Amino acid sequence: MAEEIRVVDNQEASRFEVFVDGEQAGFADYRLRADRLVLPHTEVDDAYGGRGLGGRLAAAALDAGRDAGLSVVPVCPFIAEYIRRHPEYLDLVADDYREAVGRPPGD
């Protein structure tokens, strides 16, 4: 039987949360700053490791940033690495944070 995986934006807590079969398995914190979505920290419980849940959190946060017309500030190393592996999100990264994902500003 397949697991039910769901990601929600908990705006009161300023974080995306991932649930597996109704149990919270991880989160990605965010901060809204003017026209930027700052992503400082992502965490997945060890019991749920290796299931791609961090990637689901990253994609949900980045997609929400795109939908809201925000630049992304990938302070979290996991989010920065996710963007490196998924270049379709590079255009979201604020120019002054491009080096965090291994790209020069304006690239």
C-alpha atoms as a PDB file:
ATOM      1  CA  MET A   1       0.000   0.000   0.000  1.00  0.00           C
ATOM      2  CA  ALA A   2       1.391   3.400  -1.013  1.00  0.00           C
ATOM      3  CA  GLU A   3       2.088   6.037   1.581  1.00  0.00           C
ATOM      4  CA  GLU A   4       0.066   9.234   1.504  1.00  0.00           C
ATOM      5  CA  ILE A   5       2.544  12.123   1.327  1.00  0.00           C
ATOM      6  CA  ARG A   6       1.244  15.661   1.671  1.00  0.00           C
ATOM      7  CA  VAL A   7       3.019  19.028   1.897  1.00  0.00           C
ATOM      8  CA  VAL A   8       1.204  21.996   3.425  1.00  0.00           C
ATOM      9  CA  ASP A   9       2.103  25.645   3.921  1.00  0.00           C
ATOM     10  CA  ASN A  10       1.666  26.351   7.634  1.00  0.00           C
ATOM     11  CA  GLN A  11       1.618  30.134   7.344  1.00  0.00           C
ATOM     12  CA  GLU A  12       1.203  30.663  11.092  1.00  0.00           C
ATOM     13  CA  ALA A  13       4.475  28.826  11.741  1.00  0.00           C
ATOM     14  CA  SER A  14       6.145  30.195   8.551  1.00  0.00           C
ATOM     15  CA  ARG A  15       7.085  26.779   7.275  1.00  0.00           C
ATOM     16  CA  PHE A  16       6.148  24.085   4.821  1.00  0.00           C
ATOM     17  CA  GLU A  17       5.413  20.790   6.525  1.00  0.00           C
ATOM     18  CA  VAL A  18       5.472  17.314   5.022  1.00  0.00           C
ATOM     19  CA  PHE A  19       3.209  14.581   6.339  1.00  0.00           C
ATOM     20  CA  VAL A  20       3.426  10.846   5.716  1.00  0.00           C
ATOM     21  CA  ASP A  21       0.195   8.998   6.404  1.00  0.00           C
ATOM     22  CA  GLY A  22      -0.929  11.902   8.590  1.00  0.00           C
ATOM     23  CA  GLU A  23       2.264  12.079  10.672  1.00  0.00           C
ATOM     24  CA  GLN A  24       4.511  15.126  10.378  1.00  0.00           C
ATOM     25  CA  ALA A  25       7.846  13.967   8.984  1.00  0.00           C
ATOM     26  CA  GLY A  26       9.659  17.238   8.347  1.00  0.00           C
ATOM     27  CA  PHE A  27       9.538  20.948   7.601  1.00  0.00           C
ATOM     28  CA  ALA A  28      11.180  23.782   5.693  1.00  0.00           C
ATOM     29  CA  ASP A  29      11.199  27.120   7.514  1.00  0.00           C
ATOM     30  CA  TYR A  30      10.740  30.327   5.573  1.00  0.00           C
ATOM     31  CA  ARG A  31      10.702  34.072   6.116  1.00  0.00           C
ATOM     32  CA  LEU A  32       9.030  36.612   3.863  1.00  0.00           C
ATOM     33  CA  ARG A  33      11.174  39.722   3.398  1.00  0.00           C
ATOM     34  CA  ALA A  34       9.749  42.318   1.000  1.00  0.00           C
ATOM     35  CA  ASP A  35       9.935  40.575  -2.394  1.00  0.00           C
ATOM     36  CA  ARG A  36      11.990  37.629  -1.133  1.00  0.00           C
ATOM     37  CA  LEU A  37      11.333  34.170   0.228  1.00  0.00           C
ATOM     38  CA  VAL A  38      14.197  33.372   2.603  1.00  0.00           C
ATOM     39  CA  LEU A  39      14.682  29.633   3.189  1.00  0.00           C
ATOM     40  CA  PRO A  40      16.927  29.185   6.257  1.00  0.00           C
ATOM     41  CA  HIS A  41      16.383  25.587   7.349  1.00  0.00           C
ATOM     42  CA  THR A  42      14.975  22.243   6.204  1.00  0.00           C
ATOM     43  CA  GLU A  43      14.677  19.163   8.381  1.00  0.00           C
ATOM     44  CA  VAL A  44      13.322  15.646   7.896  1.00  0.00           C
ATOM     45  CA  ASP A  45      13.010  13.225  10.808  1.00  0.00           C
ATOM     46  CA  ASP A  46      15.595  10.424  10.564  1.00  0.00           C
ATOM     47  CA  ALA A  47      12.798   7.849  10.674  1.00  0.00           C
ATOM     48  CA  TYR A  48      11.606   9.153   7.288  1.00  0.00           C
ATOM     49  CA  GLY A  49      15.005   9.526   5.619  1.00  0.00           C
ATOM     50  CA  GLY A  50      15.657   8.330   2.093  1.00  0.00           C
ATOM     51  CA  ARG A  51      12.103   8.870   0.848  1.00  0.00           C
ATOM     52  CA  GLY A  52      12.644  12.120  -1.019  1.00  0.00           C
ATOM     53  CA  LEU A  53      10.685  14.171   1.497  1.00  0.00           C
ATOM     54  CA  GLY A  54      13.296  16.928   1.651  1.00  0.00           C
ATOM     55  CA  GLY A  55      12.998  17.292  -2.103  1.00  0.00           C
ATOM     56  CA  ARG A  56       9.241  17.552  -1.837  1.00  0.00           C
ATOM     57  CA  LEU A  57       9.612  20.307   0.760  1.00  0.00           C
ATOM     58  CA  ALA A  58      12.137  22.154  -1.408  1.00  0.00           C
ATOM     59  CA  ALA A  59       9.959  21.915  -4.518  1.00  0.00           C
ATOM     60  CA  ALA A  60       6.867  23.081  -2.620  1.00  0.00           C
ATOM     61  CA  ALA A  61       8.710  26.108  -1.208  1.00  0.00           C
ATOM     62  CA  LEU A  62      10.276  27.023  -4.548  1.00  0.00           C
ATOM     63  CA  ASP A  63       7.009  26.573  -6.436  1.00  0.00           C
ATOM     64  CA  ALA A  64       5.232  28.775  -3.877  1.00  0.00           C
ATOM     65  CA  GLY A  65       7.916  31.419  -4.330  1.00  0.00           C
ATOM     66  CA  ARG A  66       7.476  31.304  -8.086  1.00  0.00           C
ATOM     67  CA  ASP A  67       3.689  31.496  -7.808  1.00  0.00           C
ATOM     68  CA  ALA A  68       3.978  34.554  -5.542  1.00  0.00           C
ATOM     69  CA  GLY A  69       6.514  36.277  -7.820  1.00  0.00           C
ATOM     70  CA  LEU A  70       9.222  36.227  -5.139  1.00  0.00           C
ATOM     71  CA  SER A  71      12.982  35.883  -5.398  1.00  0.00           C
ATOM     72  CA  VAL A  72      14.416  33.050  -3.336  1.00  0.00           C
ATOM     73  CA  VAL A  73      17.252  33.308  -0.835  1.00  0.00           C
ATOM     74  CA  PRO A  74      18.557  29.731  -0.313  1.00  0.00           C
ATOM     75  CA  VAL A  75      20.323  30.079   3.045  1.00  0.00           C
ATOM     76  CA  CYS A  76      19.646  26.416   3.820  1.00  0.00           C
ATOM     77  CA  PRO A  77      22.415  24.256   2.291  1.00  0.00           C
ATOM     78  CA  PHE A  78      19.891  21.557   1.396  1.00  0.00           C
ATOM     79  CA  ILE A  79      17.743  24.027  -0.573  1.00  0.00           C
ATOM     80  CA  ALA A  80      20.841  25.426  -2.320  1.00  0.00           C
ATOM     81  CA  GLU A  81      21.900  21.897  -3.299  1.00  0.00           C
ATOM     82  CA  TYR A  82      18.373  21.099  -4.482  1.00  0.00           C
ATOM     83  CA  ILE A  83      18.488  24.138  -6.773  1.00  0.00           C
ATOM     84  CA  ARG A  84      21.906  23.049  -8.109  1.00  0.00           C
ATOM     85  CA  ARG A  85      20.386  19.668  -9.011  1.00  0.00           C
ATOM     86  CA  HIS A  86      17.194  21.244 -10.428  1.00  0.00           C
ATOM     87  CA  PRO A  87      18.312  24.183 -12.598  1.00  0.00           C
ATOM     88  CA  GLU A  88      14.711  24.968 -13.536  1.00  0.00           C
ATOM     89  CA  TYR A  89      14.638  26.888 -10.234  1.00  0.00           C
ATOM     90  CA  LEU A  90      17.812  28.944 -10.839  1.00  0.00           C
ATOM     91  CA  ASP A  91      15.855  31.896 -12.182  1.00  0.00           C
ATOM     92  CA  LEU A  92      14.228  32.298  -8.757  1.00  0.00           C
ATOM     93  CA  VAL A  93      17.479  32.817  -6.855  1.00  0.00           C
ATOM     94  CA  ALA A  94      18.139  36.432  -5.852  1.00  0.00           C
ATOM     95  CA  ASP A  95      21.216  37.735  -7.705  1.00  0.00           C
ATOM     96  CA  ASP A  96      23.142  38.389  -4.500  1.00  0.00           C
ATOM     97  CA  TYR A  97      22.683  34.712  -3.509  1.00  0.00           C
ATOM     98  CA  ARG A  98      23.584  33.106  -6.848  1.00  0.00           C
ATOM     99  CA  GLU A  99      26.977  32.051  -5.514  1.00  0.00           C
ATOM    100  CA  ALA A 100      25.178  29.916  -2.873  1.00  0.00           C
ATOM    101  CA  VAL A 101      24.031  27.683  -5.726  1.00  0.00           C
ATOM    102  CA  GLY A 102      27.312  27.831  -7.617  1.00  0.00           C
ATOM    103  CA  ARG A 103      26.284  30.428 -10.173  1.00  0.00           C
ATOM    104  CA  PRO A 104      27.684  33.909 -10.623  1.00  0.00           C
ATOM    105  CA  PRO A 105      25.215  36.822 -10.294  1.00  0.00           C
ATOM    106  CA  GLY A 106      23.240  37.399 -13.489  1.00  0.00           C
ATOM    107  CA  ASP A 107      23.982  33.891 -14.790  1.00  0.00           C
END
